[in-house]
């Protein structure tokens, strides 16, 4: 089971590094990739991106280094919260197609949180 959890952590971290990087440092590409980015402030998009990047680090580093490994499931819960709020945002905007990624990331984050606590 440990291998499956590490695979989930890697997939989740990669997904959040990609989306977080676009949101935090490549705003124009984020606007081209996601229509909602045009409708919210740049500061909010950058903040979400930075939170995602920190969460990606938190999903891997504490467990990998064995330094405060309890931070890994806490990061997973934080990321689950971010994607749950994102899914609710998309539902409110009737962007139902965009909720698929949110649901997949939420499931991975909860799986990690459960198995790492």
Protein backbone atom coordinates (compact mmCIF):
# COMPACT_ATOMS: atom_id res chain seq x y z
CA UNK A 1 0.00 0.00 0.00
CA UNK A 2 2.91 2.35 0.70
CA UNK A 3 3.89 2.26 -2.99
CA UNK A 4 0.34 3.15 -4.05
CA UNK A 5 0.31 6.10 -1.65
CA UNK A 6 3.67 7.33 -2.97
CA UNK A 7 2.37 7.07 -6.54
CA UNK A 8 -0.70 9.09 -5.54
CA UNK A 9 1.53 11.66 -3.83
CA UNK A 10 3.69 11.96 -6.95
CA UNK A 11 0.71 12.36 -9.27
CA UNK A 12 -0.93 14.92 -7.02
CA UNK A 13 2.30 16.87 -6.59
CA UNK A 14 2.94 16.92 -10.35
CA UNK A 15 -0.59 18.13 -11.04
CA UNK A 16 -0.33 20.91 -8.49
CA UNK A 17 3.16 21.95 -9.57
CA UNK A 18 1.87 22.34 -13.13
CA UNK A 19 -1.31 24.24 -12.28
CA UNK A 20 0.30 26.21 -9.45
CA UNK A 21 3.20 27.31 -11.64
CA UNK A 22 0.87 28.54 -14.38
CA UNK A 23 -1.31 30.43 -11.91
CA UNK A 24 1.55 31.93 -9.91
CA UNK A 25 4.11 32.75 -12.59
CA UNK A 26 2.54 32.51 -16.05
CA UNK A 27 -0.70 34.42 -15.75
CA UNK A 28 -1.17 34.85 -19.50
CA UNK A 29 -0.86 31.09 -20.10
CA UNK A 30 -3.27 30.48 -17.23
CA UNK A 31 -5.77 32.83 -18.86
CA UNK A 32 -5.43 30.93 -22.12
CA UNK A 33 -5.83 27.56 -20.37
CA UNK A 34 -8.69 28.37 -18.00
CA UNK A 35 -11.48 30.81 -18.81
CA UNK A 36 -12.24 31.55 -15.16
CA UNK A 37 -8.83 33.21 -14.70
CA UNK A 38 -10.03 36.19 -16.73
CA UNK A 39 -12.95 36.73 -14.35
CA UNK A 40 -11.05 36.94 -11.04
CA UNK A 41 -8.27 39.20 -9.86
CA UNK A 42 -4.69 38.40 -10.75
CA UNK A 43 -3.79 38.55 -7.05
CA UNK A 44 -6.28 35.79 -6.25
CA UNK A 45 -5.01 33.60 -9.08
CA UNK A 46 -1.39 34.09 -7.98
CA UNK A 47 -2.34 33.33 -4.36
CA UNK A 48 -4.07 30.11 -5.39
CA UNK A 49 -1.02 29.16 -7.45
CA UNK A 50 1.36 29.75 -4.55
CA UNK A 51 -0.87 27.73 -2.20
CA UNK A 52 -0.89 24.89 -4.72
CA UNK A 53 2.90 24.98 -5.05
CA UNK A 54 3.36 24.93 -1.28
CA UNK A 55 0.87 22.08 -1.03
CA UNK A 56 2.79 20.11 -3.66
CA UNK A 57 5.95 20.50 -1.59
CA UNK A 58 4.06 19.55 1.55
CA UNK A 59 2.68 16.41 -0.05
CA UNK A 60 6.20 15.08 -0.76
CA UNK A 61 8.96 16.61 1.36
CA UNK A 62 7.92 15.88 4.95
CA UNK A 63 7.27 12.21 4.24
CA UNK A 64 10.33 11.82 2.00
CA UNK A 65 12.73 13.44 4.47
CA UNK A 66 11.03 12.04 7.57
CA UNK A 67 11.09 15.55 9.02
CA UNK A 68 7.66 16.21 10.55
CA UNK A 69 5.92 13.61 8.35
CA UNK A 70 2.60 14.57 9.96
CA UNK A 71 2.68 17.60 7.65
CA UNK A 72 2.08 15.37 4.61
CA UNK A 73 -1.53 14.43 5.49
CA UNK A 74 -2.13 17.99 6.67
CA UNK A 75 -0.97 19.24 3.26
CA UNK A 76 -3.24 16.66 1.63
CA UNK A 77 -6.23 17.99 3.58
CA UNK A 78 -5.29 21.53 2.59
CA UNK A 79 -5.10 20.58 -1.08
CA UNK A 80 -8.38 18.68 -0.83
CA UNK A 81 -9.93 21.88 0.53
CA UNK A 82 -8.52 23.92 -2.35
CA UNK A 83 -9.92 21.58 -5.01
CA UNK A 84 -13.26 21.25 -3.22
CA UNK A 85 -13.61 25.04 -3.22
CA UNK A 86 -12.52 25.05 -6.87
CA UNK A 87 -15.18 22.48 -7.74
CA UNK A 88 -17.85 24.55 -5.97
CA UNK A 89 -16.64 27.63 -7.87
CA UNK A 90 -16.96 25.74 -11.19
CA UNK A 91 -20.42 24.41 -10.32
CA UNK A 92 -21.57 27.94 -9.44
CA UNK A 93 -20.32 29.09 -12.85
CA UNK A 94 -21.96 26.05 -14.55
CA UNK A 95 -18.53 24.82 -15.72
CA UNK A 96 -19.38 21.20 -14.98
CA UNK A 97 -16.74 19.83 -17.35
CA UNK A 98 -14.00 21.46 -15.27
CA UNK A 99 -15.05 19.68 -12.08
CA UNK A 100 -13.64 16.33 -13.27
CA UNK A 101 -10.06 17.28 -12.45
CA UNK A 102 -11.20 18.69 -9.10
CA UNK A 103 -12.92 15.42 -8.22
CA UNK A 104 -9.88 13.34 -9.22
CA UNK A 105 -7.48 15.57 -7.23
CA UNK A 106 -9.86 15.55 -4.26
CA UNK A 107 -9.97 11.75 -4.27
CA UNK A 108 -6.17 11.50 -4.46
CA UNK A 109 -5.72 14.02 -1.65
CA UNK A 110 -8.19 12.25 0.64
CA UNK A 111 -6.57 8.87 -0.14
CA UNK A 112 -3.19 10.30 0.86
CA UNK A 113 -4.54 11.96 4.01
CA UNK A 114 -6.22 8.76 5.18
CA UNK A 115 -3.17 6.58 4.58
CA UNK A 116 -0.57 9.00 5.95
CA UNK A 117 -2.34 9.86 9.22
